[in-house]
PDB file of N, CA and C in Angstrom:
ATOM      1  N   UNK A   1      10.319 -16.325 -12.262  1.00  0.00           N
ATOM      2  CA  UNK A   1      11.115 -17.553 -11.081  1.00  0.00           C
ATOM      3  C   UNK A   1       9.608 -18.617 -10.440  1.00  0.00           C
ATOM      4  N   UNK A   2       9.859 -19.454  -9.918  1.00  0.00           N
ATOM      5  CA  UNK A   2       8.903 -20.484  -9.453  1.00  0.00           C
ATOM      6  C   UNK A   2       9.662 -20.328  -8.656  1.00  0.00           C
ATOM      7  N   UNK A   3       8.455 -21.101  -7.432  1.00  0.00           N
ATOM      8  CA  UNK A   3       8.498 -21.188  -6.208  1.00  0.00           C
ATOM      9  C   UNK A   3       9.138 -22.728  -5.913  1.00  0.00           C
ATOM     10  N   UNK A   4       9.969 -22.544  -4.622  1.00  0.00           N
ATOM     11  CA  UNK A   4      10.664 -23.781  -4.379  1.00  0.00           C
ATOM     12  C   UNK A   4       9.975 -25.070  -3.551  1.00  0.00           C
ATOM     13  N   UNK A   5       8.876 -24.373  -3.369  1.00  0.00           N
ATOM     14  CA  UNK A   5       7.512 -25.130  -2.683  1.00  0.00           C
ATOM     15  C   UNK A   5       6.849 -26.018  -3.503  1.00  0.00           C
ATOM     16  N   UNK A   6       6.381 -25.322  -4.589  1.00  0.00           N
ATOM     17  CA  UNK A   6       5.094 -25.762  -5.144  1.00  0.00           C
ATOM     18  C   UNK A   6       5.517 -25.667  -6.893  1.00  0.00           C
ATOM     19  N   UNK A   7       6.621 -25.074  -6.999  1.00  0.00           N
ATOM     20  CA  UNK A   7       6.979 -24.809  -8.673  1.00  0.00           C
ATOM     21  C   UNK A   7       5.811 -23.734  -9.377  1.00  0.00           C
ATOM     22  N   UNK A   8       4.734 -23.374  -8.612  1.00  0.00           N
ATOM     23  CA  UNK A   8       4.202 -22.124  -9.275  1.00  0.00           C
ATOM     24  C   UNK A   8       4.429 -21.417  -8.976  1.00  0.00           C
ATOM     25  N   UNK A   9       3.868 -20.155 -10.668  1.00  0.00           N
ATOM     26  CA  UNK A   9       4.851 -19.053 -10.977  1.00  0.00           C
ATOM     27  C   UNK A   9       4.884 -17.850  -9.681  1.00  0.00           C
ATOM     28  N   UNK A  10       5.419 -17.241  -9.095  1.00  0.00           N
ATOM     29  CA  UNK A  10       5.465 -15.754  -8.694  1.00  0.00           C
ATOM     30  C   UNK A  10       5.698 -14.543  -9.318  1.00  0.00           C
ATOM     31  N   UNK A  11       5.358 -13.765  -8.252  1.00  0.00           N
ATOM     32  CA  UNK A  11       5.590 -12.128  -9.069  1.00  0.00           C
ATOM     33  C   UNK A  11       5.956 -11.525  -8.027  1.00  0.00           C
ATOM     34  N   UNK A  12       6.308 -10.066  -8.460  1.00  0.00           N
ATOM     35  CA  UNK A  12       6.474  -9.249  -7.943  1.00  0.00           C
ATOM     36  C   UNK A  12       5.389  -8.466  -6.718  1.00  0.00           C
ATOM     37  N   UNK A  13       5.154  -8.449  -5.678  1.00  0.00           N
ATOM     38  CA  UNK A  13       3.996  -7.728  -4.915  1.00  0.00           C
ATOM     39  C   UNK A  13       4.539  -7.360  -3.300  1.00  0.00           C
ATOM     40  N   UNK A  14       3.865  -7.340  -2.374  1.00  0.00           N
ATOM     41  CA  UNK A  14       4.646  -7.180  -0.949  1.00  0.00           C
ATOM     42  C   UNK A  14       3.814  -8.475  -0.208  1.00  0.00           C
ATOM     43  N   UNK A  15       4.617  -8.986   0.862  1.00  0.00           N
ATOM     44  CA  UNK A  15       4.288  -9.619   1.861  1.00  0.00           C
ATOM     45  C   UNK A  15       4.358  -8.906   3.474  1.00  0.00           C
ATOM     46  N   UNK A  16       3.539  -9.363   4.269  1.00  0.00           N
ATOM     47  CA  UNK A  16       3.925  -9.458   5.803  1.00  0.00           C
ATOM     48  C   UNK A  16       5.061  -9.985   6.486  1.00  0.00           C
ATOM     49  N   UNK A  17       5.895  -9.630   7.221  1.00  0.00           N
ATOM     50  CA  UNK A  17       7.083  -9.738   8.026  1.00  0.00           C
ATOM     51  C   UNK A  17       7.044  -9.545   9.277  1.00  0.00           C
ATOM     52  N   UNK A  18       6.955 -11.271   9.982  1.00  0.00           N
ATOM     53  CA  UNK A  18       6.887 -11.034  11.563  1.00  0.00           C
ATOM     54  C   UNK A  18       8.177 -11.128  12.232  1.00  0.00           C
ATOM     55  N   UNK A  19       8.396 -10.568  13.105  1.00  0.00           N
ATOM     56  CA  UNK A  19       9.992 -10.454  13.583  1.00  0.00           C
ATOM     57  C   UNK A  19       9.272 -10.513  15.414  1.00  0.00           C
ATOM     58  N   UNK A  20      10.068 -11.731  15.828  1.00  0.00           N
ATOM     59  CA  UNK A  20       9.965 -11.450  17.311  1.00  0.00           C
ATOM     60  C   UNK A  20      11.588 -12.537  18.259  1.00  0.00           C
ATOM     61  N   UNK A  21      11.518 -11.102  18.616  1.00  0.00           N
ATOM     62  CA  UNK A  21      12.870 -11.237  19.190  1.00  0.00           C
ATOM     63  C   UNK A  21      12.950 -10.568  20.470  1.00  0.00           C
ATOM     64  N   UNK A  22      13.803 -11.381  21.768  1.00  0.00           N
ATOM     65  CA  UNK A  22      14.145 -10.974  22.938  1.00  0.00           C
ATOM     66  C   UNK A  22      12.759 -10.283  23.409  1.00  0.00           C
ATOM     67  N   UNK A  23      11.523 -10.610  23.070  1.00  0.00           N
ATOM     68  CA  UNK A  23      10.483 -10.110  23.622  1.00  0.00           C
ATOM     69  C   UNK A  23       9.528  -9.073  23.145  1.00  0.00           C
ATOM     70  N   UNK A  24      10.484  -8.891  21.790  1.00  0.00           N
ATOM     71  CA  UNK A  24       9.616  -7.519  21.252  1.00  0.00           C
ATOM     72  C   UNK A  24       9.171  -8.352  19.888  1.00  0.00           C
ATOM     73  N   UNK A  25       7.827  -8.271  19.474  1.00  0.00           N
ATOM     74  CA  UNK A  25       6.992  -8.788  18.388  1.00  0.00           C
ATOM     75  C   UNK A  25       6.830  -7.305  17.548  1.00  0.00           C
ATOM     76  N   UNK A  26       7.286  -7.625  16.197  1.00  0.00           N
ATOM     77  CA  UNK A  26       7.182  -6.569  15.207  1.00  0.00           C
ATOM     78  C   UNK A  26       7.037  -7.223  13.846  1.00  0.00           C
ATOM     79  N   UNK A  27       5.637  -6.198  13.110  1.00  0.00           N
ATOM     80  CA  UNK A  27       4.890  -6.144  12.204  1.00  0.00           C
ATOM     81  C   UNK A  27       5.099  -6.016  11.411  1.00  0.00           C
ATOM     82  N   UNK A  28       5.233  -5.846  10.088  1.00  0.00           N
ATOM     83  CA  UNK A  28       5.572  -4.852   9.034  1.00  0.00           C
ATOM     84  C   UNK A  28       4.455  -5.508   7.642  1.00  0.00           C
ATOM     85  N   UNK A  29       3.875  -4.649   7.320  1.00  0.00           N
ATOM     86  CA  UNK A  29       2.313  -5.250   6.777  1.00  0.00           C
ATOM     87  C   UNK A  29       3.209  -5.696   5.237  1.00  0.00           C
ATOM     88  N   UNK A  30       3.571  -4.338   4.832  1.00  0.00           N
ATOM     89  CA  UNK A  30       3.737  -4.442   3.076  1.00  0.00           C
ATOM     90  C   UNK A  30       5.349  -4.410   2.731  1.00  0.00           C
ATOM     91  N   UNK A  31       6.321  -5.252   2.897  1.00  0.00           N
ATOM     92  CA  UNK A  31       7.346  -5.354   2.173  1.00  0.00           C
ATOM     93  C   UNK A  31       7.468  -5.878   1.412  1.00  0.00           C
ATOM     94  N   UNK A  32       8.494  -5.254   0.154  1.00  0.00           N
ATOM     95  CA  UNK A  32       8.386  -5.688  -1.550  1.00  0.00           C
ATOM     96  C   UNK A  32       8.525  -7.269  -1.456  1.00  0.00           C
ATOM     97  N   UNK A  33       8.231  -7.856  -2.052  1.00  0.00           N
ATOM     98  CA  UNK A  33       8.787  -9.033  -2.093  1.00  0.00           C
ATOM     99  C   UNK A  33       8.140 -10.097  -3.314  1.00  0.00           C
ATOM    100  N   UNK A  34       8.533 -11.415  -4.019  1.00  0.00           N
ATOM    101  CA  UNK A  34       8.607 -12.175  -4.744  1.00  0.00           C
ATOM    102  C   UNK A  34       7.165 -13.243  -3.520  1.00  0.00           C
ATOM    103  N   UNK A  35       5.854 -13.411  -4.327  1.00  0.00           N
ATOM    104  CA  UNK A  35       5.099 -14.107  -3.749  1.00  0.00           C
ATOM    105  C   UNK A  35       4.758 -14.859  -5.125  1.00  0.00           C
ATOM    106  N   UNK A  36       4.531 -16.292  -4.060  1.00  0.00           N
ATOM    107  CA  UNK A  36       4.193 -16.810  -5.229  1.00  0.00           C
ATOM    108  C   UNK A  36       2.587 -17.406  -5.263  1.00  0.00           C
ATOM    109  N   UNK A  37       2.315 -17.453  -6.402  1.00  0.00           N
ATOM    110  CA  UNK A  37       0.158 -17.053  -6.547  1.00  0.00           C
ATOM    111  C   UNK A  37      -0.455 -18.419  -6.309  1.00  0.00           C
ATOM    112  N   UNK A  38       0.290 -19.259  -6.137  1.00  0.00           N
ATOM    113  CA  UNK A  38      -0.213 -20.625  -5.851  1.00  0.00           C
ATOM    114  C   UNK A  38      -0.594 -20.927  -4.129  1.00  0.00           C
ATOM    115  N   UNK A  39       1.171 -20.808  -3.516  1.00  0.00           N
ATOM    116  CA  UNK A  39       0.752 -21.726  -2.156  1.00  0.00           C
ATOM    117  C   UNK A  39       1.121 -20.257  -1.112  1.00  0.00           C
ATOM    118  N   UNK A  40       1.448 -19.440  -1.832  1.00  0.00           N
ATOM    119  CA  UNK A  40       1.613 -17.975  -1.170  1.00  0.00           C
ATOM    120  C   UNK A  40       2.949 -17.435  -0.627  1.00  0.00           C
ATOM    121  N   UNK A  41       3.947 -18.276  -0.786  1.00  0.00           N
ATOM    122  CA  UNK A  41       5.406 -18.787   0.141  1.00  0.00           C
ATOM    123  C   UNK A  41       5.977 -16.888  -0.543  1.00  0.00           C
ATOM    124  N   UNK A  42       6.599 -16.009  -0.274  1.00  0.00           N
ATOM    125  CA  UNK A  42       7.279 -14.719  -0.267  1.00  0.00           C
ATOM    126  C   UNK A  42       8.612 -15.104  -0.095  1.00  0.00           C
ATOM    127  N   UNK A  43       9.557 -14.411  -1.492  1.00  0.00           N
ATOM    128  CA  UNK A  43      11.030 -14.743  -1.211  1.00  0.00           C
ATOM    129  C   UNK A  43      11.288 -13.194  -0.950  1.00  0.00           C
ATOM    130  N   UNK A  44      12.599 -12.501  -0.185  1.00  0.00           N
ATOM    131  CA  UNK A  44      12.882 -11.415  -0.512  1.00  0.00           C
ATOM    132  C   UNK A  44      13.885 -10.968  -1.234  1.00  0.00           C
ATOM    133  N   UNK A  45      14.367 -10.312  -1.732  1.00  0.00           N
ATOM    134  CA  UNK A  45      15.549 -10.008  -2.415  1.00  0.00           C
ATOM    135  C   UNK A  45      16.012  -9.238  -1.400  1.00  0.00           C
ATOM    136  N   UNK A  46      17.771  -8.803  -2.077  1.00  0.00           N
ATOM    137  CA  UNK A  46      18.840  -8.858  -1.086  1.00  0.00           C
ATOM    138  C   UNK A  46      18.512  -7.018  -0.383  1.00  0.00           C
ATOM    139  N   UNK A  47      18.285  -6.447  -0.988  1.00  0.00           N
ATOM    140  CA  UNK A  47      17.546  -5.570  -0.130  1.00  0.00           C
ATOM    141  C   UNK A  47      17.043  -5.409   0.954  1.00  0.00           C
ATOM    142  N   UNK A  48      15.823  -5.931   0.665  1.00  0.00           N
ATOM    143  CA  UNK A  48      14.761  -5.873   1.880  1.00  0.00           C
ATOM    144  C   UNK A  48      15.898  -7.148   3.202  1.00  0.00           C
ATOM    145  N   UNK A  49      16.194  -7.493   2.310  1.00  0.00           N
ATOM    146  CA  UNK A  49      17.011  -9.100   3.793  1.00  0.00           C
ATOM    147  C   UNK A  49      18.033  -8.164   4.586  1.00  0.00           C
ATOM    148  N   UNK A  50      18.764  -7.381   3.892  1.00  0.00           N
ATOM    149  CA  UNK A  50      19.946  -6.314   4.180  1.00  0.00           C
ATOM    150  C   UNK A  50      19.063  -5.180   5.412  1.00  0.00           C
ATOM    151  N   UNK A  51      17.912  -4.763   5.018  1.00  0.00           N
ATOM    152  CA  UNK A  51      16.855  -4.133   5.750  1.00  0.00           C
ATOM    153  C   UNK A  51      16.835  -4.771   7.294  1.00  0.00           C
ATOM    154  N   UNK A  52      16.358  -6.242   7.015  1.00  0.00           N
ATOM    155  CA  UNK A  52      15.523  -6.677   7.944  1.00  0.00           C
ATOM    156  C   UNK A  52      16.690  -7.443   9.038  1.00  0.00           C
ATOM    157  N   UNK A  53      18.002  -7.506   8.438  1.00  0.00           N
ATOM    158  CA  UNK A  53      18.992  -7.791   9.214  1.00  0.00           C
ATOM    159  C   UNK A  53      19.282  -6.542   9.879  1.00  0.00           C
ATOM    160  N   UNK A  54      19.256  -5.506   9.606  1.00  0.00           N
ATOM    161  CA  UNK A  54      19.242  -4.149  10.557  1.00  0.00           C
ATOM    162  C   UNK A  54      18.447  -4.205  11.123  1.00  0.00           C
ATOM    163  N   UNK A  55      17.258  -4.323  11.022  1.00  0.00           N
ATOM    164  CA  UNK A  55      15.921  -4.179  11.844  1.00  0.00           C
ATOM    165  C   UNK A  55      16.034  -5.100  13.075  1.00  0.00           C
ATOM    166  N   UNK A  56      16.868  -6.264  12.582  1.00  0.00           N
ATOM    167  CA  UNK A  56      17.080  -7.431  13.879  1.00  0.00           C
ATOM    168  C   UNK A  56      17.983  -6.589  14.575  1.00  0.00           C
ATOM    169  N   UNK A  57      18.734  -6.312  14.261  1.00  0.00           N
ATOM    170  CA  UNK A  57      20.382  -6.227  14.932  1.00  0.00           C
ATOM    171  C   UNK A  57      19.830  -4.946  16.362  1.00  0.00           C
ATOM    172  N   UNK A  58      18.764  -4.045  15.387  1.00  0.00           N
ATOM    173  CA  UNK A  58      18.604  -2.605  16.523  1.00  0.00           C
ATOM    174  C   UNK A  58      17.571  -3.000  17.481  1.00  0.00           C
ATOM    175  N   UNK A  59      16.697  -4.211  16.964  1.00  0.00           N
ATOM    176  CA  UNK A  59      15.996  -4.618  17.676  1.00  0.00           C
ATOM    177  C   UNK A  59      16.894  -5.376  19.302  1.00  0.00           C
ATOM    178  N   UNK A  60      17.707  -5.910  18.615  1.00  0.00           N
ATOM    179  CA  UNK A  60      18.878  -6.849  19.764  1.00  0.00           C
ATOM    180  C   UNK A  60      19.277  -5.614  20.768  1.00  0.00           C
ATOM    181  N   UNK A  61      19.900  -4.786  20.428  1.00  0.00           N
ATOM    182  CA  UNK A  61      20.457  -3.990  20.839  1.00  0.00           C
ATOM    183  C   UNK A  61      19.008  -3.299  21.971  1.00  0.00           C
ATOM    184  N   UNK A  62      18.271  -2.640  21.347  1.00  0.00           N
ATOM    185  CA  UNK A  62      17.552  -2.030  22.035  1.00  0.00           C
ATOM    186  C   UNK A  62      16.220  -2.453  23.486  1.00  0.00           C
ATOM    187  N   UNK A  63      16.255  -3.762  22.643  1.00  0.00           N
ATOM    188  CA  UNK A  63      15.326  -4.247  23.631  1.00  0.00           C
ATOM    189  C   UNK A  63      16.715  -5.065  25.275  1.00  0.00           C
ATOM    190  N   UNK A  64      17.769  -5.215  24.745  1.00  0.00           N
ATOM    191  CA  UNK A  64      18.465  -5.916  26.034  1.00  0.00           C
ATOM    192  C   UNK A  64      18.967  -4.541  26.774  1.00  0.00           C
ATOM    193  N   UNK A  65      18.613  -3.343  26.385  1.00  0.00           N
ATOM    194  CA  UNK A  65      19.188  -1.704  27.386  1.00  0.00           C
ATOM    195  C   UNK A  65      17.666  -1.394  28.237  1.00  0.00           C
ATOM    196  N   UNK A  66      16.466  -2.374  27.755  1.00  0.00           N
ATOM    197  CA  UNK A  66      15.184  -2.090  28.117  1.00  0.00           C
ATOM    198  C   UNK A  66      15.110  -3.689  29.405  1.00  0.00           C
ATOM    199  N   UNK A  67      15.530  -4.627  29.120  1.00  0.00           N
ATOM    200  CA  UNK A  67      15.127  -5.752  29.992  1.00  0.00           C
ATOM    201  C   UNK A  67      16.623  -5.643  30.830  1.00  0.00           C
ATOM    202  N   UNK A  68      17.882  -4.883  30.898  1.00  0.00           N
ATOM    203  CA  UNK A  68      18.750  -4.793  31.839  1.00  0.00           C
ATOM    204  C   UNK A  68      18.680  -3.838  32.973  1.00  0.00           C
ATOM    205  N   UNK A  69      17.199  -2.581  32.239  1.00  0.00           N
ATOM    206  CA  UNK A  69      17.121  -2.072  33.197  1.00  0.00           C
ATOM    207  C   UNK A  69      15.626  -2.372  34.181  1.00  0.00           C
ATOM    208  N   UNK A  70      15.105  -3.042  34.084  1.00  0.00           N
ATOM    209  CA  UNK A  70      14.003  -3.522  34.560  1.00  0.00           C
ATOM    210  C   UNK A  70      14.542  -4.126  36.043  1.00  0.00           C
TER     211      UNK A  70
END
């Protein structure tokens, strides 16, 4: 697999993920990803993307409950 930014070789590894939603800031340090060996760009596979989307939906629901009660 090649990086779409710099065309260098990508290898399986891990990458950090930062989510900022509705006043919440979440960082996950080691999400499985394809990582470019030259520029560091990370690409997540479908399984990880699905989990990330589930996490975002949960953050949205829970953050809304917290902000409504404030």
